[in-house]
């Protein structure tokens, strides 16, 4: 004779896994829909595009949590020069997303000074985006930049974000 509790005890790991999977899916969905970023549940078009882009970035770049190039004075200076030459037309000289070309763009360029933005992409993801670009946001691929130059840019972008946090 099998009790009702006996069947449950044999299947509880499966039930637990299904419940946990559902919770992860729901929380991921809320994050992807911007509810994790904005209490009103609204998210800018740029942020929606950014979340969609994350799915395109290969895992080996998503898991990189630091740059292989030390963000020393030389790296930051090179990154700043590269930023002005390659990025400021869209992202603005300050990194605020208000470059001269930004007004004509369907999806506004990233504002690197915005707190929510700075947390979306890690170092490896930023590096990948600089080299590969994405049609989802209009970001071009900067294939002419060497790997070291891309890392200098990543270091500089993080510097912009740190400076903004210090000013707040």
N, C-alpha and C. Protein backbone atom coordinates (compact mmCIF):
# COMPACT_ATOMS: atom_id res chain seq x y z
N UNK A 1 0.84 -1.18 0.00
CA UNK A 1 0.00 0.00 0.00
C UNK A 1 0.89 1.25 0.00
N UNK A 2 0.63 2.15 -0.92
CA UNK A 2 1.41 3.38 -1.04
C UNK A 2 0.58 4.54 -0.54
N UNK A 3 1.20 5.32 0.33
CA UNK A 3 0.50 6.50 0.83
C UNK A 3 0.73 7.67 -0.13
N UNK A 4 -0.16 8.66 -0.04
CA UNK A 4 -0.01 9.86 -0.87
C UNK A 4 1.30 10.57 -0.55
N UNK A 5 1.69 10.57 0.69
CA UNK A 5 2.95 11.21 1.09
C UNK A 5 4.14 10.43 0.54
N UNK A 6 4.00 9.14 0.41
CA UNK A 6 5.10 8.31 -0.10
C UNK A 6 5.45 8.68 -1.53
N UNK A 7 4.46 8.94 -2.38
CA UNK A 7 4.74 9.35 -3.76
C UNK A 7 5.40 10.71 -3.80
N UNK A 8 4.94 11.61 -2.93
CA UNK A 8 5.51 12.95 -2.93
C UNK A 8 6.98 12.92 -2.51
N UNK A 9 7.30 12.10 -1.51
CA UNK A 9 8.68 12.06 -1.04
C UNK A 9 9.62 11.56 -2.13
N UNK A 10 9.12 10.75 -3.06
CA UNK A 10 9.95 10.27 -4.15
C UNK A 10 10.10 11.32 -5.23
N UNK A 11 9.14 12.22 -5.35
CA UNK A 11 9.18 13.21 -6.43
C UNK A 11 9.49 14.63 -5.95
N UNK A 12 9.69 14.83 -4.66
CA UNK A 12 9.93 16.20 -4.18
C UNK A 12 11.15 16.85 -4.81
N UNK A 13 12.25 16.12 -5.08
CA UNK A 13 13.36 16.81 -5.75
C UNK A 13 12.94 17.37 -7.12
N UNK A 14 12.12 16.64 -7.85
CA UNK A 14 11.64 17.11 -9.14
C UNK A 14 10.76 18.35 -8.97
N UNK A 15 9.85 18.30 -8.00
CA UNK A 15 8.99 19.45 -7.73
C UNK A 15 9.82 20.67 -7.33
N UNK A 16 10.79 20.46 -6.47
CA UNK A 16 11.65 21.56 -6.02
C UNK A 16 12.39 22.16 -7.20
N UNK A 17 12.93 21.31 -8.06
CA UNK A 17 13.65 21.80 -9.24
C UNK A 17 12.73 22.60 -10.15
N UNK A 18 11.50 22.14 -10.33
CA UNK A 18 10.56 22.86 -11.19
C UNK A 18 10.20 24.22 -10.59
N UNK A 19 10.00 24.27 -9.28
CA UNK A 19 9.67 25.54 -8.62
C UNK A 19 10.85 26.50 -8.74
N UNK A 20 12.08 26.02 -8.47
CA UNK A 20 13.25 26.88 -8.57
C UNK A 20 13.46 27.37 -9.99
N UNK A 21 13.27 26.49 -10.98
CA UNK A 21 13.40 26.89 -12.37
C UNK A 21 12.38 27.96 -12.71
N UNK A 22 11.17 27.82 -12.24
CA UNK A 22 10.13 28.82 -12.49
C UNK A 22 10.50 30.16 -11.87
N UNK A 23 11.02 30.14 -10.64
CA UNK A 23 11.41 31.38 -9.98
C UNK A 23 12.55 32.06 -10.72
N UNK A 24 13.55 31.29 -11.15
CA UNK A 24 14.66 31.86 -11.89
C UNK A 24 14.17 32.45 -13.20
N UNK A 25 13.29 31.74 -13.90
CA UNK A 25 12.75 32.23 -15.16
C UNK A 25 11.98 33.52 -14.96
N UNK A 26 11.16 33.57 -13.93
CA UNK A 26 10.38 34.77 -13.66
C UNK A 26 11.27 35.94 -13.30
N UNK A 27 12.29 35.71 -12.45
CA UNK A 27 13.16 36.81 -12.08
C UNK A 27 14.01 37.25 -13.27
N UNK A 28 14.44 36.30 -14.11
CA UNK A 28 15.19 36.67 -15.32
C UNK A 28 14.31 37.48 -16.26
N UNK A 29 13.06 37.08 -16.36
CA UNK A 29 12.13 37.80 -17.22
C UNK A 29 11.92 39.22 -16.70
N UNK A 30 11.80 39.38 -15.41
CA UNK A 30 11.64 40.71 -14.84
C UNK A 30 12.88 41.56 -15.11
N UNK A 31 14.06 40.95 -15.00
CA UNK A 31 15.29 41.68 -15.28
C UNK A 31 15.34 42.07 -16.74
N UNK A 32 15.02 41.14 -17.63
CA UNK A 32 15.08 41.42 -19.06
C UNK A 32 14.03 42.46 -19.47
N UNK A 33 12.93 42.50 -18.77
CA UNK A 33 11.89 43.47 -19.09
C UNK A 33 12.10 44.80 -18.38
N UNK A 34 13.18 44.90 -17.61
CA UNK A 34 13.51 46.17 -16.99
C UNK A 34 12.92 46.38 -15.61
N UNK A 35 12.09 45.48 -15.13
CA UNK A 35 11.47 45.68 -13.83
C UNK A 35 12.49 45.59 -12.71
N UNK A 36 13.60 44.90 -12.97
CA UNK A 36 14.66 44.85 -11.98
C UNK A 36 15.44 46.16 -11.94
N UNK A 37 15.33 46.98 -12.98
CA UNK A 37 16.04 48.24 -13.04
C UNK A 37 15.17 49.42 -12.65
N UNK A 38 13.90 49.32 -12.93
CA UNK A 38 13.02 50.46 -12.74
C UNK A 38 11.79 49.99 -11.97
N UNK A 39 11.55 50.55 -10.80
CA UNK A 39 10.42 50.10 -9.99
C UNK A 39 9.07 50.27 -10.68
N UNK A 40 8.99 51.16 -11.65
CA UNK A 40 7.74 51.36 -12.38
C UNK A 40 7.54 50.31 -13.46
N UNK A 41 8.56 49.47 -13.68
CA UNK A 41 8.46 48.43 -14.69
C UNK A 41 8.72 48.94 -16.09
N UNK A 42 9.10 50.22 -16.23
CA UNK A 42 9.39 50.78 -17.54
C UNK A 42 10.90 50.79 -17.74
N UNK A 43 11.29 50.67 -19.00
CA UNK A 43 12.70 50.68 -19.31
C UNK A 43 12.88 51.43 -20.62
N UNK A 44 13.94 52.19 -20.72
CA UNK A 44 14.18 52.94 -21.94
C UNK A 44 14.42 51.98 -23.09
N UNK A 45 14.24 52.49 -24.29
CA UNK A 45 14.46 51.66 -25.48
C UNK A 45 15.91 51.18 -25.53
N UNK A 46 16.82 52.06 -25.13
CA UNK A 46 18.22 51.67 -25.13
C UNK A 46 18.46 50.51 -24.16
N UNK A 47 17.91 50.61 -22.96
CA UNK A 47 18.10 49.54 -21.96
C UNK A 47 17.50 48.23 -22.45
N UNK A 48 16.35 48.29 -23.10
CA UNK A 48 15.75 47.07 -23.66
C UNK A 48 16.67 46.46 -24.70
N UNK A 49 17.24 47.30 -25.54
CA UNK A 49 18.17 46.82 -26.55
C UNK A 49 19.41 46.21 -25.91
N UNK A 50 19.89 46.86 -24.85
CA UNK A 50 21.08 46.34 -24.17
C UNK A 50 20.83 44.96 -23.60
N UNK A 51 19.67 44.76 -23.02
CA UNK A 51 19.36 43.45 -22.45
C UNK A 51 19.28 42.39 -23.55
N UNK A 52 18.74 42.77 -24.70
CA UNK A 52 18.67 41.84 -25.83
C UNK A 52 20.06 41.51 -26.35
N UNK A 53 20.95 42.48 -26.33
CA UNK A 53 22.31 42.28 -26.81
C UNK A 53 23.07 41.30 -25.92
N UNK A 54 22.83 41.35 -24.62
CA UNK A 54 23.53 40.45 -23.69
C UNK A 54 23.43 38.99 -24.15
N UNK A 55 22.31 38.62 -24.71
CA UNK A 55 22.10 37.25 -25.16
C UNK A 55 23.02 36.88 -26.32
N UNK A 56 23.47 37.87 -27.08
CA UNK A 56 24.34 37.63 -28.24
C UNK A 56 25.81 37.50 -27.87
N UNK A 57 26.18 37.97 -26.71
CA UNK A 57 27.59 37.97 -26.31
C UNK A 57 27.99 36.56 -25.88
N UNK A 58 29.06 36.02 -26.47
CA UNK A 58 29.50 34.68 -26.10
C UNK A 58 29.84 34.58 -24.60
N UNK A 59 29.59 33.41 -24.05
CA UNK A 59 29.76 33.21 -22.61
C UNK A 59 31.17 33.53 -22.12
N UNK A 60 32.17 33.20 -22.92
CA UNK A 60 33.54 33.46 -22.45
C UNK A 60 33.79 34.94 -22.19
N UNK A 61 33.03 35.81 -22.81
CA UNK A 61 33.15 37.25 -22.54
C UNK A 61 32.22 37.67 -21.40
N UNK A 62 31.08 37.01 -21.28
CA UNK A 62 30.14 37.35 -20.20
C UNK A 62 30.72 37.05 -18.83
N UNK A 63 31.59 36.06 -18.74
CA UNK A 63 32.10 35.66 -17.42
C UNK A 63 33.37 36.40 -17.01
N UNK A 64 33.92 37.23 -17.91
CA UNK A 64 35.13 37.98 -17.57
C UNK A 64 34.76 39.12 -16.63
N UNK A 65 35.31 39.09 -15.43
CA UNK A 65 34.93 40.11 -14.45
C UNK A 65 36.01 41.16 -14.21
N UNK A 66 37.09 41.11 -15.00
CA UNK A 66 38.10 42.16 -14.91
C UNK A 66 38.88 42.20 -16.22
N UNK A 67 39.57 43.31 -16.44
CA UNK A 67 40.34 43.45 -17.67
C UNK A 67 41.73 42.86 -17.48
N UNK A 68 42.30 42.29 -18.54
CA UNK A 68 43.66 41.77 -18.43
C UNK A 68 44.72 42.87 -18.53
N UNK A 69 44.30 44.09 -18.85
CA UNK A 69 45.21 45.23 -18.93
C UNK A 69 45.00 46.08 -17.69
N UNK A 70 46.06 46.27 -16.93
CA UNK A 70 45.97 47.07 -15.70
C UNK A 70 45.54 48.50 -16.04
N UNK A 71 44.53 49.01 -15.35
CA UNK A 71 44.06 50.38 -15.63
C UNK A 71 44.98 51.43 -15.00
N UNK A 72 46.23 51.40 -15.40
CA UNK A 72 47.19 52.38 -14.89
C UNK A 72 47.06 53.69 -15.67
N UNK A 73 47.89 54.65 -15.33
CA UNK A 73 47.80 55.98 -15.95
C UNK A 73 47.96 55.90 -17.47
N UNK A 74 48.88 55.08 -17.95
CA UNK A 74 49.11 54.95 -19.38
C UNK A 74 47.89 54.37 -20.10
N UNK A 75 47.34 53.32 -19.53
CA UNK A 75 46.16 52.69 -20.13
C UNK A 75 44.98 53.66 -20.17
N UNK A 76 44.77 54.38 -19.07
CA UNK A 76 43.64 55.31 -19.01
C UNK A 76 43.83 56.49 -19.96
N UNK A 77 45.07 56.93 -20.12
CA UNK A 77 45.33 58.02 -21.06
C UNK A 77 45.06 57.55 -22.49
N UNK A 78 45.56 56.36 -22.84
CA UNK A 78 45.32 55.82 -24.17
C UNK A 78 43.83 55.60 -24.39
N UNK A 79 43.14 55.08 -23.39
CA UNK A 79 41.71 54.85 -23.50
C UNK A 79 40.95 56.15 -23.70
N UNK A 80 41.37 57.20 -22.99
CA UNK A 80 40.73 58.51 -23.15
C UNK A 80 40.90 59.06 -24.55
N UNK A 81 42.10 58.92 -25.10
CA UNK A 81 42.36 59.39 -26.46
C UNK A 81 41.54 58.60 -27.48
N UNK A 82 41.51 57.27 -27.29
CA UNK A 82 40.72 56.42 -28.19
C UNK A 82 39.23 56.74 -28.08
N UNK A 83 38.77 57.03 -26.87
CA UNK A 83 37.36 57.37 -26.66
C UNK A 83 37.00 58.63 -27.44
N UNK A 84 37.84 59.66 -27.32
CA UNK A 84 37.58 60.91 -28.03
C UNK A 84 37.58 60.72 -29.54
N UNK A 85 38.50 59.89 -30.04
CA UNK A 85 38.62 59.65 -31.48
C UNK A 85 37.49 58.78 -32.05
N UNK A 86 37.05 57.80 -31.28
CA UNK A 86 36.15 56.77 -31.82
C UNK A 86 34.75 56.76 -31.24
N UNK A 87 34.59 57.23 -30.03
CA UNK A 87 33.33 57.02 -29.32
C UNK A 87 32.54 58.30 -29.03
N UNK A 88 33.25 59.41 -28.89
CA UNK A 88 32.60 60.63 -28.41
C UNK A 88 31.56 61.19 -29.39
N UNK A 89 31.67 60.88 -30.66
CA UNK A 89 30.69 61.40 -31.62
C UNK A 89 29.28 60.91 -31.27
N UNK A 90 29.17 59.72 -30.70
CA UNK A 90 27.86 59.19 -30.27
C UNK A 90 27.68 59.32 -28.76
N UNK A 91 28.69 58.90 -28.00
CA UNK A 91 28.57 58.83 -26.55
C UNK A 91 28.88 60.15 -25.84
N UNK A 92 29.36 61.14 -26.58
CA UNK A 92 29.69 62.43 -25.98
C UNK A 92 31.08 62.40 -25.35
N UNK A 93 31.69 63.56 -25.28
CA UNK A 93 33.05 63.65 -24.72
C UNK A 93 33.10 63.23 -23.26
N UNK A 94 32.01 63.44 -22.54
CA UNK A 94 31.95 63.07 -21.12
C UNK A 94 31.47 61.64 -20.93
N UNK A 95 31.00 61.00 -22.00
CA UNK A 95 30.46 59.64 -21.88
C UNK A 95 29.00 59.64 -21.47
N UNK A 96 28.33 60.79 -21.61
CA UNK A 96 26.94 60.93 -21.15
C UNK A 96 25.90 60.54 -22.20
N UNK A 97 26.35 60.03 -23.36
CA UNK A 97 25.41 59.63 -24.41
C UNK A 97 24.87 60.78 -25.23
N UNK A 98 25.48 61.96 -25.11
CA UNK A 98 24.96 63.14 -25.80
C UNK A 98 25.94 63.69 -26.83
N UNK A 99 26.52 62.78 -27.61
CA UNK A 99 27.41 63.21 -28.68
C UNK A 99 26.61 63.81 -29.82
N UNK A 100 27.26 64.51 -30.75
CA UNK A 100 26.55 65.17 -31.85
C UNK A 100 25.72 64.21 -32.71
N UNK A 101 26.17 62.98 -32.86
CA UNK A 101 25.43 62.02 -33.70
C UNK A 101 24.27 61.38 -32.97
N UNK A 102 24.20 61.53 -31.67
CA UNK A 102 23.17 60.84 -30.88
C UNK A 102 21.75 61.27 -31.23
N UNK A 103 21.59 62.51 -31.64
CA UNK A 103 20.24 63.02 -31.95
C UNK A 103 19.61 62.33 -33.15
N UNK A 104 20.44 61.83 -34.04
CA UNK A 104 19.92 61.19 -35.25
C UNK A 104 19.75 59.68 -35.10
N UNK A 105 20.07 59.14 -33.93
CA UNK A 105 20.03 57.69 -33.75
C UNK A 105 18.67 57.23 -33.24
N UNK A 106 18.20 56.10 -33.79
CA UNK A 106 16.93 55.54 -33.36
C UNK A 106 17.01 55.11 -31.89
N UNK A 107 18.06 54.36 -31.56
CA UNK A 107 18.29 53.95 -30.17
C UNK A 107 19.41 54.85 -29.65
N UNK A 108 19.15 55.61 -28.60
CA UNK A 108 20.19 56.51 -28.09
C UNK A 108 21.43 55.74 -27.64
N UNK A 109 22.60 56.33 -27.82
CA UNK A 109 23.82 55.65 -27.37
C UNK A 109 23.87 55.58 -25.85
N UNK A 110 24.68 54.66 -25.37
CA UNK A 110 24.80 54.46 -23.93
C UNK A 110 25.31 55.71 -23.22
N UNK A 111 24.73 55.95 -22.08
CA UNK A 111 25.20 56.98 -21.16
C UNK A 111 26.02 56.24 -20.11
N UNK A 112 27.34 56.30 -20.24
CA UNK A 112 28.21 55.55 -19.33
C UNK A 112 28.19 56.09 -17.91
N UNK A 113 27.62 57.26 -17.72
CA UNK A 113 27.56 57.86 -16.39
C UNK A 113 26.32 57.40 -15.62
N UNK A 114 25.39 56.79 -16.31
CA UNK A 114 24.15 56.34 -15.69
C UNK A 114 24.42 55.07 -14.86
N UNK A 115 24.04 55.10 -13.62
CA UNK A 115 24.32 54.00 -12.69
C UNK A 115 23.77 52.66 -13.18
N UNK A 116 22.54 52.64 -13.67
CA UNK A 116 21.94 51.39 -14.15
C UNK A 116 22.73 50.82 -15.32
N UNK A 117 23.19 51.70 -16.19
CA UNK A 117 23.92 51.25 -17.37
C UNK A 117 25.23 50.58 -16.99
N UNK A 118 25.91 51.16 -16.02
CA UNK A 118 27.24 50.67 -15.67
C UNK A 118 27.23 49.24 -15.14
N UNK A 119 26.10 48.78 -14.67
CA UNK A 119 26.02 47.44 -14.11
C UNK A 119 25.60 46.37 -15.11
N UNK A 120 25.13 46.76 -16.26
CA UNK A 120 24.59 45.78 -17.21
C UNK A 120 25.68 44.92 -17.84
N UNK A 121 26.75 45.56 -18.30
CA UNK A 121 27.82 44.84 -18.97
C UNK A 121 29.08 44.83 -18.12
N UNK A 122 29.69 43.66 -18.03
CA UNK A 122 30.98 43.53 -17.36
C UNK A 122 32.10 43.86 -18.33
N UNK A 123 33.35 43.80 -17.86
CA UNK A 123 34.50 44.14 -18.70
C UNK A 123 34.57 43.34 -20.00
N UNK A 124 34.40 42.04 -19.92
CA UNK A 124 34.48 41.20 -21.12
C UNK A 124 33.39 41.53 -22.12
N UNK A 125 32.20 41.83 -21.61
CA UNK A 125 31.09 42.18 -22.49
C UNK A 125 31.34 43.51 -23.19
N UNK A 126 31.86 44.48 -22.46
CA UNK A 126 32.20 45.78 -23.07
C UNK A 126 33.25 45.57 -24.17
N UNK A 127 34.26 44.78 -23.86
CA UNK A 127 35.33 44.49 -24.81
C UNK A 127 34.75 43.87 -26.09
N UNK A 128 33.89 42.88 -25.92
CA UNK A 128 33.28 42.21 -27.07
C UNK A 128 32.46 43.18 -27.90
N UNK A 129 31.67 44.02 -27.23
CA UNK A 129 30.82 44.99 -27.94
C UNK A 129 31.65 45.99 -28.74
N UNK A 130 32.76 46.44 -28.19
CA UNK A 130 33.60 47.39 -28.91
C UNK A 130 34.12 46.74 -30.20
N UNK A 131 34.53 45.51 -30.13
CA UNK A 131 35.09 44.83 -31.30
C UNK A 131 34.08 44.32 -32.29
N UNK A 132 32.87 44.00 -31.81
CA UNK A 132 31.87 43.38 -32.67
C UNK A 132 30.67 44.25 -33.00
N UNK A 133 30.42 45.25 -32.16
CA UNK A 133 29.26 46.09 -32.37
C UNK A 133 27.97 45.28 -32.28
N UNK A 134 26.86 45.95 -32.54
CA UNK A 134 25.58 45.26 -32.55
C UNK A 134 24.55 46.11 -33.30
N UNK A 135 23.84 45.46 -34.17
CA UNK A 135 22.79 46.14 -34.91
C UNK A 135 21.59 46.47 -34.04
N UNK A 136 21.46 45.81 -32.90
CA UNK A 136 20.30 46.05 -32.03
C UNK A 136 20.32 47.43 -31.40
N UNK A 137 21.51 48.00 -31.22
CA UNK A 137 21.59 49.35 -30.66
C UNK A 137 22.19 50.35 -31.64
N UNK A 138 22.72 49.87 -32.74
CA UNK A 138 23.36 50.76 -33.71
C UNK A 138 24.85 50.93 -33.44
N UNK A 139 25.37 50.22 -32.46
CA UNK A 139 26.79 50.31 -32.13
C UNK A 139 27.61 49.65 -33.24
N UNK A 140 28.52 50.41 -33.89
CA UNK A 140 29.34 49.81 -34.94
C UNK A 140 30.46 48.96 -34.33
N UNK A 141 31.01 48.07 -35.14
CA UNK A 141 32.16 47.26 -34.74
C UNK A 141 33.42 48.06 -35.01
N UNK A 142 34.26 48.20 -34.01
CA UNK A 142 35.53 48.90 -34.16
C UNK A 142 36.63 47.87 -34.40
N UNK A 143 36.58 47.26 -35.57
CA UNK A 143 37.50 46.18 -35.91
C UNK A 143 38.92 46.69 -36.15
N UNK A 144 39.07 47.98 -36.38
CA UNK A 144 40.41 48.53 -36.59
C UNK A 144 41.20 48.67 -35.30
N UNK A 145 40.54 48.55 -34.16
CA UNK A 145 41.24 48.65 -32.88
C UNK A 145 41.87 47.32 -32.51
N UNK A 146 43.07 47.37 -31.98
CA UNK A 146 43.74 46.16 -31.53
C UNK A 146 43.09 45.68 -30.23
N UNK A 147 43.34 44.44 -29.85
CA UNK A 147 42.82 43.98 -28.56
C UNK A 147 43.26 44.87 -27.40
N UNK A 148 44.51 45.28 -27.38
CA UNK A 148 44.99 46.14 -26.29
C UNK A 148 44.24 47.47 -26.28
N UNK A 149 44.00 48.04 -27.46
CA UNK A 149 43.27 49.31 -27.52
C UNK A 149 41.84 49.16 -27.00
N UNK A 150 41.22 48.04 -27.32
CA UNK A 150 39.86 47.81 -26.80
C UNK A 150 39.87 47.72 -25.28
N UNK A 151 40.90 47.08 -24.71
CA UNK A 151 40.97 46.98 -23.25
C UNK A 151 41.25 48.36 -22.64
N UNK A 152 42.03 49.18 -23.30
CA UNK A 152 42.25 50.55 -22.80
C UNK A 152 40.93 51.31 -22.78
N UNK A 153 40.12 51.12 -23.81
CA UNK A 153 38.80 51.76 -23.84
C UNK A 153 37.92 51.27 -22.70
N UNK A 154 37.92 49.97 -22.46
CA UNK A 154 37.12 49.41 -21.35
C UNK A 154 37.58 50.03 -20.04
N UNK A 155 38.89 50.10 -19.83
CA UNK A 155 39.40 50.71 -18.59
C UNK A 155 38.94 52.16 -18.47
N UNK A 156 38.96 52.90 -19.57
CA UNK A 156 38.54 54.30 -19.55
C UNK A 156 37.05 54.43 -19.25
N UNK A 157 36.24 53.56 -19.83
CA UNK A 157 34.79 53.61 -19.58
C UNK A 157 34.51 53.35 -18.10
N UNK A 158 35.23 52.40 -17.51
CA UNK A 158 35.05 52.16 -16.08
C UNK A 158 35.51 53.37 -15.26
N UNK A 159 36.56 54.05 -15.72
CA UNK A 159 37.01 55.26 -15.04
C UNK A 159 35.91 56.32 -15.08
N UNK A 160 35.27 56.51 -16.23
CA UNK A 160 34.17 57.47 -16.33
C UNK A 160 33.09 57.15 -15.31
N UNK A 161 32.77 55.87 -15.19
CA UNK A 161 31.72 55.46 -14.27
C UNK A 161 32.14 55.70 -12.82
N UNK A 162 33.40 55.43 -12.50
CA UNK A 162 33.88 55.66 -11.13
C UNK A 162 33.89 57.14 -10.80
N UNK A 163 34.32 57.97 -11.77
CA UNK A 163 34.34 59.41 -11.53
C UNK A 163 32.94 59.95 -11.30
N UNK A 164 31.96 59.43 -12.04
CA UNK A 164 30.59 59.88 -11.88
C UNK A 164 30.06 59.48 -10.50
N UNK A 165 30.37 58.27 -10.07
CA UNK A 165 29.92 57.82 -8.74
C UNK A 165 30.53 58.70 -7.65
N UNK A 166 31.79 59.09 -7.84
CA UNK A 166 32.46 59.96 -6.86
C UNK A 166 31.83 61.34 -6.81
N UNK A 167 31.29 61.80 -7.93
CA UNK A 167 30.66 63.12 -8.00
C UNK A 167 29.23 63.13 -7.47
N UNK A 168 28.67 61.98 -7.24
CA UNK A 168 27.26 61.93 -6.80
C UNK A 168 27.13 62.11 -5.31
